[in-house]
Amino acid sequence: MTITPLDASTVVLMRAGPQGNDSGFEVLLVRRSSKSAFVPSAYVFPGGKVEPDDCLPEMANYCRKKDLIKSISFLDGVPSAQSALGILTAAIRETFEEAGILLARRENGNPASFDKNIEGQLLSYRTDLNRSKLKFLDLLKKENLVLAVERLHYFSRWITPELSPLRFDARFFIAEVPEGQKAFHDGDEVTKHIWITPAQALQRYSQRKIYMVAPTVVTLEELSRFKTIEEVITSTKGKKVKEVLTRLVFENDEIQEHTPDGRIFRNLFSAN
């Protein structure tokens, strides 16, 4: 029986290189826990499935209306505005829960900032969220925050292969990290994070120094063609995003992932 894929969101976070924009840009990769049920130990971009609370109509009150309408209009193939709202909310929530980066701002338009120790406060909220002691909506209410959906630029869409026991219909978004925020992996779902250029990540992958799956590798290949963050964001304007459904093939005691264009990604995990 084929499993229906769940809606999910992935965010490719970018920041200027160490020498500023002249040195290109880096992306954030997080390493999934070895105990994860989905692609354990893989380096991926932050993200996860859409939860019911992400789709609550009240969430729309914590977005600037014109930005929300514009962002929803880009999401083809979504059955309802409520589902689209959930996808956008999940992108921001999961990025915060896994990487500690909060794509939000104050109601007056100013960037999100926290009194005293910003890093400590953010980590405290993130810990409570991950332990189910705090709901994301309550965090927004408490700090008078608005989701910065305008920072999310729709880039691609990947659907998990039909033979996979866990399936996701994942929308990939590009986002520049807000000034003054740092990444902190949660230590549970993700156990490590690295800032790295797309070219460097692909080199480590080819040398088998890091493990990545097809959507991550192909996304990095696309990003490696751009020189600046501005070029990447500009490339999403008017872009017609097509869904990509890969397939799993069992061969020579390994499970391979085949992309529609004929590429084969081997050694996903042992078939034994």
C-alpha atoms as a PDB file:
ATOM      1  CA  MET A   1       0.000   0.000   0.000  1.00  0.00           C
ATOM      2  CA  THR A   2       1.330   3.413  -0.975  1.00  0.00           C
ATOM      3  CA  ILE A   3       1.599   5.856   1.916  1.00  0.00           C
ATOM      4  CA  THR A   4       0.215   9.343   1.331  1.00  0.00           C
ATOM      5  CA  PRO A   5       2.997  11.913   1.852  1.00  0.00           C
ATOM      6  CA  LEU A   6       2.583  14.439   4.652  1.00  0.00           C
ATOM      7  CA  ASP A   7       3.067  18.152   4.019  1.00  0.00           C
ATOM      8  CA  ALA A   8       6.472  19.343   5.173  1.00  0.00           C
ATOM      9  CA  SER A   9       8.678  22.411   4.963  1.00  0.00           C
ATOM     10  CA  THR A  10      12.424  22.831   4.549  1.00  0.00           C
ATOM     11  CA  VAL A  11      14.376  26.071   4.829  1.00  0.00           C
ATOM     12  CA  VAL A  12      17.737  26.688   3.194  1.00  0.00           C
ATOM     13  CA  LEU A  13      19.295  29.324   5.434  1.00  0.00           C
ATOM     14  CA  MET A  14      21.961  31.526   3.855  1.00  0.00           C
ATOM     15  CA  ARG A  15      24.450  34.049   5.174  1.00  0.00           C
ATOM     16  CA  ALA A  16      27.229  36.094   3.615  1.00  0.00           C
ATOM     17  CA  GLY A  17      30.671  34.478   3.532  1.00  0.00           C
ATOM     18  CA  PRO A  18      33.359  35.273   6.141  1.00  0.00           C
ATOM     19  CA  GLN A  19      34.667  38.162   4.030  1.00  0.00           C
ATOM     20  CA  GLY A  20      31.235  39.598   3.292  1.00  0.00           C
ATOM     21  CA  ASN A  21      29.260  39.381   0.060  1.00  0.00           C
ATOM     22  CA  ASP A  22      32.461  39.429  -2.016  1.00  0.00           C
ATOM     23  CA  SER A  23      33.283  35.932  -0.757  1.00  0.00           C
ATOM     24  CA  GLY A  24      29.957  34.446  -1.753  1.00  0.00           C
ATOM     25  CA  PHE A  25      27.571  32.859   0.713  1.00  0.00           C
ATOM     26  CA  GLU A  26      27.252  29.914   3.058  1.00  0.00           C
ATOM     27  CA  VAL A  27      24.310  27.640   3.817  1.00  0.00           C
ATOM     28  CA  LEU A  28      23.380  25.951   7.067  1.00  0.00           C
ATOM     29  CA  LEU A  29      23.412  22.154   7.172  1.00  0.00           C
ATOM     30  CA  VAL A  30      22.259  20.221  10.231  1.00  0.00           C
ATOM     31  CA  ARG A  31      23.084  16.595  10.971  1.00  0.00           C
ATOM     32  CA  ARG A  32      20.093  14.441  11.845  1.00  0.00           C
ATOM     33  CA  SER A  33      20.378  12.198  14.862  1.00  0.00           C
ATOM     34  CA  SER A  34      21.583   8.641  14.251  1.00  0.00           C
ATOM     35  CA  LYS A  35      18.380   7.560  16.063  1.00  0.00           C
ATOM     36  CA  SER A  36      16.108   9.426  13.663  1.00  0.00           C
ATOM     37  CA  ALA A  37      13.435   7.384  11.879  1.00  0.00           C
ATOM     38  CA  PHE A  38      13.945   9.456   8.718  1.00  0.00           C
ATOM     39  CA  VAL A  39      17.368   9.688   6.981  1.00  0.00           C
ATOM     40  CA  PRO A  40      19.392   9.129  10.187  1.00  0.00           C
ATOM     41  CA  SER A  41      22.844  10.751  10.330  1.00  0.00           C
ATOM     42  CA  ALA A  42      22.227  12.684   7.109  1.00  0.00           C
ATOM     43  CA  TYR A  43      23.208  16.321   6.684  1.00  0.00           C
ATOM     44  CA  VAL A  44      20.088  18.199   5.640  1.00  0.00           C
ATOM     45  CA  PHE A  45      18.555  21.656   5.723  1.00  0.00           C
ATOM     46  CA  PRO A  46      16.363  22.447   8.762  1.00  0.00           C
ATOM     47  CA  GLY A  47      12.746  21.396   8.391  1.00  0.00           C
ATOM     48  CA  GLY A  48       9.998  18.973   9.260  1.00  0.00           C
ATOM     49  CA  LYS A  49       6.372  18.031   8.852  1.00  0.00           C
ATOM     50  CA  VAL A  50       3.435  20.409   9.151  1.00  0.00           C
ATOM     51  CA  GLU A  51       1.656  20.010  12.488  1.00  0.00           C
ATOM     52  CA  PRO A  52      -2.085  20.650  13.074  1.00  0.00           C
ATOM     53  CA  ASP A  53      -1.339  23.765  15.161  1.00  0.00           C
ATOM     54  CA  ASP A  54       0.570  25.258  12.205  1.00  0.00           C
ATOM     55  CA  CYS A  55      -2.699  25.375  10.253  1.00  0.00           C
ATOM     56  CA  LEU A  56      -4.791  27.107  12.900  1.00  0.00           C
ATOM     57  CA  PRO A  57      -6.690  30.070  11.377  1.00  0.00           C
ATOM     58  CA  GLU A  58      -5.427  32.206  14.273  1.00  0.00           C
ATOM     59  CA  MET A  59      -1.909  31.885  12.875  1.00  0.00           C
ATOM     60  CA  ALA A  60      -2.918  34.265  10.086  1.00  0.00           C
ATOM     61  CA  ASN A  61      -3.252  36.998  12.721  1.00  0.00           C
ATOM     62  CA  TYR A  62       0.487  36.745  13.280  1.00  0.00           C
ATOM     63  CA  CYS A  63       1.435  37.458   9.682  1.00  0.00           C
ATOM     64  CA  ARG A  64       1.293  40.717   7.782  1.00  0.00           C
ATOM     65  CA  LYS A  65      -1.748  40.220   5.556  1.00  0.00           C
ATOM     66  CA  LYS A  66      -0.228  41.408   2.275  1.00  0.00           C
ATOM     67  CA  ASP A  67       2.896  39.273   2.817  1.00  0.00           C
ATOM     68  CA  LEU A  68       0.817  36.213   3.651  1.00  0.00           C
ATOM     69  CA  ILE A  69      -1.397  36.576   0.577  1.00  0.00           C
ATOM     70  CA  LYS A  70       1.659  36.981  -1.645  1.00  0.00           C
ATOM     71  CA  SER A  71       3.470  33.994  -0.145  1.00  0.00           C
ATOM     72  CA  ILE A  72       0.422  31.740  -0.424  1.00  0.00           C
ATOM     73  CA  SER A  73      -0.020  32.681  -4.086  1.00  0.00           C
ATOM     74  CA  PHE A  74       3.368  31.105  -4.916  1.00  0.00           C
ATOM     75  CA  LEU A  75       2.488  27.682  -3.456  1.00  0.00           C
ATOM     76  CA  ASP A  76       1.015  25.696  -6.342  1.00  0.00           C
ATOM     77  CA  GLY A  77      -0.689  22.394  -5.626  1.00  0.00           C
ATOM     78  CA  VAL A  78      -1.809  23.275  -2.106  1.00  0.00           C
ATOM     79  CA  PRO A  79      -5.497  22.390  -1.540  1.00  0.00           C
ATOM     80  CA  SER A  80      -6.397  25.394   0.608  1.00  0.00           C
ATOM     81  CA  ALA A  81      -5.160  28.690   2.018  1.00  0.00           C
ATOM     82  CA  GLN A  82      -5.215  27.060   5.449  1.00  0.00           C
ATOM     83  CA  SER A  83      -2.863  24.323   4.268  1.00  0.00           C
ATOM     84  CA  ALA A  84      -0.566  26.937   2.726  1.00  0.00           C
ATOM     85  CA  LEU A  85      -0.555  28.863   6.002  1.00  0.00           C
ATOM     86  CA  GLY A  86       0.499  25.665   7.768  1.00  0.00           C
ATOM     87  CA  ILE A  87       3.360  25.086   5.335  1.00  0.00           C
ATOM     88  CA  LEU A  88       4.698  28.615   5.867  1.00  0.00           C
ATOM     89  CA  THR A  89       4.285  28.428   9.637  1.00  0.00           C
ATOM     90  CA  ALA A  90       5.986  25.032   9.816  1.00  0.00           C
ATOM     91  CA  ALA A  91       8.938  26.385   7.843  1.00  0.00           C
ATOM     92  CA  ILE A  92       9.537  29.080  10.450  1.00  0.00           C
ATOM     93  CA  ARG A  93       8.717  26.930  13.482  1.00  0.00           C
ATOM     94  CA  GLU A  94      10.913  23.992  12.431  1.00  0.00           C
ATOM     95  CA  THR A  95      13.805  26.302  11.599  1.00  0.00           C
ATOM     96  CA  PHE A  96      13.596  27.731  15.106  1.00  0.00           C
ATOM     97  CA  GLU A  97      13.176  24.354  16.823  1.00  0.00           C
ATOM     98  CA  GLU A  98      16.072  22.679  15.006  1.00  0.00           C
ATOM     99  CA  ALA A  99      18.484  25.521  14.297  1.00  0.00           C
ATOM    100  CA  GLY A 100      17.558  28.277  16.765  1.00  0.00           C
ATOM    101  CA  ILE A 101      17.011  30.831  13.985  1.00  0.00           C
ATOM    102  CA  LEU A 102      13.726  32.737  14.357  1.00  0.00           C
ATOM    103  CA  LEU A 103      12.332  34.262  11.155  1.00  0.00           C
ATOM    104  CA  ALA A 104      10.068  36.792  12.851  1.00  0.00           C
ATOM    105  CA  ARG A 105       9.832  40.484  13.599  1.00  0.00           C
ATOM    106  CA  ARG A 106       8.012  42.903  15.855  1.00  0.00           C
ATOM    107  CA  GLU A 107       4.574  44.150  14.871  1.00  0.00           C
ATOM    108  CA  ASN A 108       6.099  47.570  14.131  1.00  0.00           C
ATOM    109  CA  GLY A 109       8.380  46.000  11.513  1.00  0.00           C
ATOM    110  CA  ASN A 110      11.571  45.965  13.582  1.00  0.00           C
ATOM    111  CA  PRO A 111      13.631  42.760  13.706  1.00  0.00           C
ATOM    112  CA  ALA A 112      12.892  40.388  16.574  1.00  0.00           C
ATOM    113  CA  SER A 113      15.052  41.186  19.576  1.00  0.00           C
ATOM    114  CA  PHE A 114      14.993  39.960  23.145  1.00  0.00           C
ATOM    115  CA  ASP A 115      15.929  41.754  26.337  1.00  0.00           C
ATOM    116  CA  LYS A 116      19.205  41.000  28.087  1.00  0.00           C
ATOM    117  CA  ASN A 117      20.680  37.738  26.854  1.00  0.00           C
ATOM    118  CA  ILE A 118      19.122  37.175  23.419  1.00  0.00           C
ATOM    119  CA  GLU A 119      20.776  33.805  22.899  1.00  0.00           C
ATOM    120  CA  GLY A 120      19.757  32.515  26.326  1.00  0.00           C
ATOM    121  CA  GLN A 121      16.172  33.683  25.899  1.00  0.00           C
ATOM    122  CA  LEU A 122      15.860  32.143  22.456  1.00  0.00           C
ATOM    123  CA  LEU A 123      17.303  28.840  23.648  1.00  0.00           C
ATOM    124  CA  SER A 124      14.932  28.835  26.617  1.00  0.00           C
ATOM    125  CA  TYR A 125      11.919  29.264  24.354  1.00  0.00           C
ATOM    126  CA  ARG A 126      13.231  26.648  21.942  1.00  0.00           C
ATOM    127  CA  THR A 127      13.745  24.132  24.756  1.00  0.00           C
ATOM    128  CA  ASP A 128      10.189  24.643  26.000  1.00  0.00           C
ATOM    129  CA  LEU A 129       8.840  24.197  22.470  1.00  0.00           C
ATOM    130  CA  ASN A 130      10.747  20.975  21.911  1.00  0.00           C
ATOM    131  CA  ARG A 131       9.560  19.615  25.276  1.00  0.00           C
ATOM    132  CA  SER A 132       5.943  20.580  24.487  1.00  0.00           C
ATOM    133  CA  LYS A 133       5.885  23.016  27.406  1.00  0.00           C
ATOM    134  CA  LEU A 134       5.170  25.920  25.065  1.00  0.00           C
ATOM    135  CA  LYS A 135       3.199  26.236  21.848  1.00  0.00           C
ATOM    136  CA  PHE A 136       4.636  28.241  18.978  1.00  0.00           C
ATOM    137  CA  LEU A 137       1.506  30.394  18.825  1.00  0.00           C
ATOM    138  CA  ASP A 138       1.908  31.235  22.524  1.00  0.00           C
ATOM    139  CA  LEU A 139       5.505  32.316  21.881  1.00  0.00           C
ATOM    140  CA  LEU A 140       4.328  34.704  19.169  1.00  0.00           C
ATOM    141  CA  LYS A 141       1.679  36.115  21.500  1.00  0.00           C
ATOM    142  CA  LYS A 142       4.049  36.454  24.433  1.00  0.00           C
ATOM    143  CA  GLU A 143       6.694  38.369  22.485  1.00  0.00           C
ATOM    144  CA  ASN A 144       4.295  40.257  20.153  1.00  0.00           C
ATOM    145  CA  LEU A 145       5.943  38.736  17.109  1.00  0.00           C
ATOM    146  CA  VAL A 146       4.871  38.488  13.484  1.00  0.00           C
ATOM    147  CA  LEU A 147       5.994  35.621  11.246  1.00  0.00           C
ATOM    148  CA  ALA A 148       8.373  36.965   8.594  1.00  0.00           C
ATOM    149  CA  VAL A 149       6.823  34.960   5.764  1.00  0.00           C
ATOM    150  CA  GLU A 150       8.191  37.505   3.302  1.00  0.00           C
ATOM    151  CA  ARG A 151      11.679  36.145   4.036  1.00  0.00           C
ATOM    152  CA  LEU A 152      10.675  32.733   2.658  1.00  0.00           C
ATOM    153  CA  HIS A 153      11.329  32.378  -1.075  1.00  0.00           C
ATOM    154  CA  TYR A 154       9.844  29.250  -2.674  1.00  0.00           C
ATOM    155  CA  PHE A 155      12.637  27.267  -4.336  1.00  0.00           C
ATOM    156  CA  SER A 156      11.701  23.624  -4.956  1.00  0.00           C
ATOM    157  CA  ARG A 157       9.405  20.750  -4.036  1.00  0.00           C
ATOM    158  CA  TRP A 158      10.492  17.187  -3.280  1.00  0.00           C
ATOM    159  CA  ILE A 159       8.254  14.183  -2.637  1.00  0.00           C
ATOM    160  CA  THR A 160       9.605  11.145  -0.805  1.00  0.00           C
ATOM    161  CA  PRO A 161       9.671   7.938  -2.915  1.00  0.00           C
ATOM    162  CA  GLU A 162       6.590   5.707  -2.877  1.00  0.00           C
ATOM    163  CA  LEU A 163       8.382   2.726  -1.308  1.00  0.00           C
ATOM    164  CA  SER A 164       9.583   4.750   1.673  1.00  0.00           C
ATOM    165  CA  PRO A 165       7.919   3.898   5.026  1.00  0.00           C
ATOM    166  CA  LEU A 166       7.864   7.633   5.834  1.00  0.00           C
ATOM    167  CA  ARG A 167       6.793  10.028   3.098  1.00  0.00           C
ATOM    168  CA  PHE A 168       6.783  13.819   2.893  1.00  0.00           C
ATOM    169  CA  ASP A 169       5.713  16.389   0.344  1.00  0.00           C
ATOM    170  CA  ALA A 170       8.367  18.954   1.213  1.00  0.00           C
ATOM    171  CA  ARG A 171       8.427  22.528  -0.014  1.00  0.00           C
ATOM    172  CA  PHE A 172      11.933  24.032   0.034  1.00  0.00           C
ATOM    173  CA  PHE A 173      12.334  27.722   0.830  1.00  0.00           C
ATOM    174  CA  ILE A 174      15.347  30.033   0.607  1.00  0.00           C
ATOM    175  CA  ALA A 175      15.846  32.515   3.450  1.00  0.00           C
ATOM    176  CA  GLU A 176      18.600  34.872   4.501  1.00  0.00           C
ATOM    177  CA  VAL A 177      19.435  34.689   8.198  1.00  0.00           C
ATOM    178  CA  PRO A 178      18.269  37.800  10.106  1.00  0.00           C
ATOM    179  CA  GLU A 179      21.085  40.055  11.212  1.00  0.00           C
ATOM    180  CA  GLY A 180      22.371  39.316  14.703  1.00  0.00           C
ATOM    181  CA  GLN A 181      21.040  35.739  14.961  1.00  0.00           C
ATOM    182  CA  LYS A 182      23.226  32.672  15.352  1.00  0.00           C
ATOM    183  CA  ALA A 183      22.466  29.008  14.751  1.00  0.00           C
ATOM    184  CA  PHE A 184      22.186  26.593  17.683  1.00  0.00           C
ATOM    185  CA  HIS A 185      21.300  22.952  16.941  1.00  0.00           C
ATOM    186  CA  ASP A 186      18.862  21.403  19.387  1.00  0.00           C
ATOM    187  CA  GLY A 187      21.038  18.404  20.313  1.00  0.00           C
ATOM    188  CA  ASP A 188      18.106  16.029  19.958  1.00  0.00           C
ATOM    189  CA  GLU A 189      16.626  15.867  16.445  1.00  0.00           C
ATOM    190  CA  VAL A 190      19.807  17.373  15.051  1.00  0.00           C
ATOM    191  CA  THR A 191      23.167  16.798  16.722  1.00  0.00           C
ATOM    192  CA  LYS A 192      25.475  19.107  14.776  1.00  0.00           C
ATOM    193  CA  HIS A 193      25.387  22.066  12.421  1.00  0.00           C
ATOM    194  CA  ILE A 194      27.843  23.606   9.986  1.00  0.00           C
ATOM    195  CA  TRP A 195      27.961  26.754   7.889  1.00  0.00           C
ATOM    196  CA  ILE A 196      29.503  25.863   4.562  1.00  0.00           C
ATOM    197  CA  THR A 197      29.511  27.009   0.947  1.00  0.00           C
ATOM    198  CA  PRO A 198      27.522  24.847  -1.479  1.00  0.00           C
ATOM    199  CA  ALA A 199      30.739  23.943  -3.346  1.00  0.00           C
ATOM    200  CA  GLN A 200      32.512  22.886  -0.149  1.00  0.00           C
ATOM    201  CA  ALA A 201      29.535  20.756   0.928  1.00  0.00           C
ATOM    202  CA  LEU A 202      29.451  19.004  -2.443  1.00  0.00           C
ATOM    203  CA  GLN A 203      33.183  18.348  -2.244  1.00  0.00           C
ATOM    204  CA  ARG A 204      32.827  16.742   1.197  1.00  0.00           C
ATOM    205  CA  TYR A 205      29.953  14.666  -0.106  1.00  0.00           C
ATOM    206  CA  SER A 206      31.965  13.442  -3.110  1.00  0.00           C
ATOM    207  CA  GLN A 207      34.784  12.516  -0.729  1.00  0.00           C
ATOM    208  CA  ARG A 208      32.280  10.591   1.439  1.00  0.00           C
ATOM    209  CA  LYS A 209      33.047  12.799   4.419  1.00  0.00           C
ATOM    210  CA  ILE A 210      29.390  13.673   4.918  1.00  0.00           C
ATOM    211  CA  TYR A 211      26.217  11.773   4.044  1.00  0.00           C
ATOM    212  CA  MET A 212      23.428  13.554   2.148  1.00  0.00           C
ATOM    213  CA  VAL A 213      20.325  12.483   0.241  1.00  0.00           C
ATOM    214  CA  ALA A 214      19.240  13.497  -3.250  1.00  0.00           C
ATOM    215  CA  PRO A 215      17.157  16.601  -2.442  1.00  0.00           C
ATOM    216  CA  THR A 216      20.013  18.119  -0.430  1.00  0.00           C
ATOM    217  CA  VAL A 217      22.667  17.343  -3.030  1.00  0.00           C
ATOM    218  CA  VAL A 218      20.633  18.628  -5.973  1.00  0.00           C
ATOM    219  CA  THR A 219      19.699  21.809  -4.072  1.00  0.00           C
ATOM    220  CA  LEU A 220      23.368  22.454  -3.289  1.00  0.00           C
ATOM    221  CA  GLU A 221      24.250  21.929  -6.943  1.00  0.00           C
ATOM    222  CA  GLU A 222      21.668  24.513  -7.978  1.00  0.00           C
ATOM    223  CA  LEU A 223      22.894  26.975  -5.354  1.00  0.00           C
ATOM    224  CA  SER A 224      26.526  26.527  -6.393  1.00  0.00           C
ATOM    225  CA  ARG A 225      25.709  28.294  -9.674  1.00  0.00           C
ATOM    226  CA  PHE A 226      25.030  31.578  -7.885  1.00  0.00           C
ATOM    227  CA  LYS A 227      27.574  34.034  -6.540  1.00  0.00           C
ATOM    228  CA  THR A 228      25.463  36.014  -4.070  1.00  0.00           C
ATOM    229  CA  ILE A 229      22.417  35.647  -1.855  1.00  0.00           C
ATOM    230  CA  GLU A 230      20.697  38.347  -3.895  1.00  0.00           C
ATOM    231  CA  GLU A 231      21.129  36.272  -7.055  1.00  0.00           C
ATOM    232  CA  VAL A 232      19.558  33.245  -5.386  1.00  0.00           C
ATOM    233  CA  ILE A 233      16.550  35.212  -4.145  1.00  0.00           C
ATOM    234  CA  THR A 234      16.105  36.904  -7.520  1.00  0.00           C
ATOM    235  CA  SER A 235      16.052  33.500  -9.211  1.00  0.00           C
ATOM    236  CA  THR A 236      12.874  32.604  -7.310  1.00  0.00           C
ATOM    237  CA  LYS A 237      10.882  35.526  -8.747  1.00  0.00           C
ATOM    238  CA  GLY A 238       8.290  34.097 -11.109  1.00  0.00           C
ATOM    239  CA  LYS A 239       9.834  30.626 -10.822  1.00  0.00           C
ATOM    240  CA  LYS A 240       7.508  27.763 -11.696  1.00  0.00           C
ATOM    241  CA  VAL A 241       8.311  25.106  -9.134  1.00  0.00           C
ATOM    242  CA  LYS A 242       7.715  21.546 -10.306  1.00  0.00           C
ATOM    243  CA  GLU A 243       7.396  18.619  -7.933  1.00  0.00           C
ATOM    244  CA  VAL A 244      10.198  16.058  -7.999  1.00  0.00           C
ATOM    245  CA  LEU A 245       9.291  12.476  -7.101  1.00  0.00           C
ATOM    246  CA  THR A 246      12.286  10.178  -6.796  1.00  0.00           C
ATOM    247  CA  ARG A 247      12.026   6.396  -6.586  1.00  0.00           C
ATOM    248  CA  LEU A 248      13.765   3.721  -4.566  1.00  0.00           C
ATOM    249  CA  VAL A 249      15.494   0.786  -6.240  1.00  0.00           C
ATOM    250  CA  PHE A 250      16.876  -2.265  -4.402  1.00  0.00           C
ATOM    251  CA  GLU A 251      20.099  -3.437  -6.041  1.00  0.00           C
ATOM    252  CA  ASN A 252      23.262  -5.221  -4.852  1.00  0.00           C
ATOM    253  CA  ASP A 253      22.265  -5.190  -1.176  1.00  0.00           C
ATOM    254  CA  GLU A 254      21.759  -1.446  -1.148  1.00  0.00           C
ATOM    255  CA  ILE A 255      18.861   0.913  -1.563  1.00  0.00           C
ATOM    256  CA  GLN A 256      19.361   3.454  -4.311  1.00  0.00           C
ATOM    257  CA  GLU A 257      17.445   6.676  -4.917  1.00  0.00           C
ATOM    258  CA  HIS A 258      16.808   7.444  -8.580  1.00  0.00           C
ATOM    259  CA  THR A 259      15.855  10.946  -9.718  1.00  0.00           C
ATOM    260  CA  PRO A 260      13.581  11.569 -12.737  1.00  0.00           C
ATOM    261  CA  ASP A 261      16.564  12.725 -14.827  1.00  0.00           C
ATOM    262  CA  GLY A 262      18.316   9.369 -14.388  1.00  0.00           C
ATOM    263  CA  ARG A 263      20.760  10.165 -11.600  1.00  0.00           C
ATOM    264  CA  ILE A 264      21.436   7.458  -9.023  1.00  0.00           C
ATOM    265  CA  PHE A 265      22.252   8.118  -5.382  1.00  0.00           C
ATOM    266  CA  ARG A 266      23.772   5.021  -3.786  1.00  0.00           C
ATOM    267  CA  ASN A 267      24.524   3.759  -0.294  1.00  0.00           C
ATOM    268  CA  LEU A 268      21.466   5.320   1.325  1.00  0.00           C
ATOM    269  CA  PHE A 269      21.479   2.608   3.953  1.00  0.00           C
ATOM    270  CA  SER A 270      21.991  -1.151   4.143  1.00  0.00           C
ATOM    271  CA  ALA A 271      19.203  -3.343   2.821  1.00  0.00           C
ATOM    272  CA  ASN A 272      20.018  -6.084   5.349  1.00  0.00           C
END
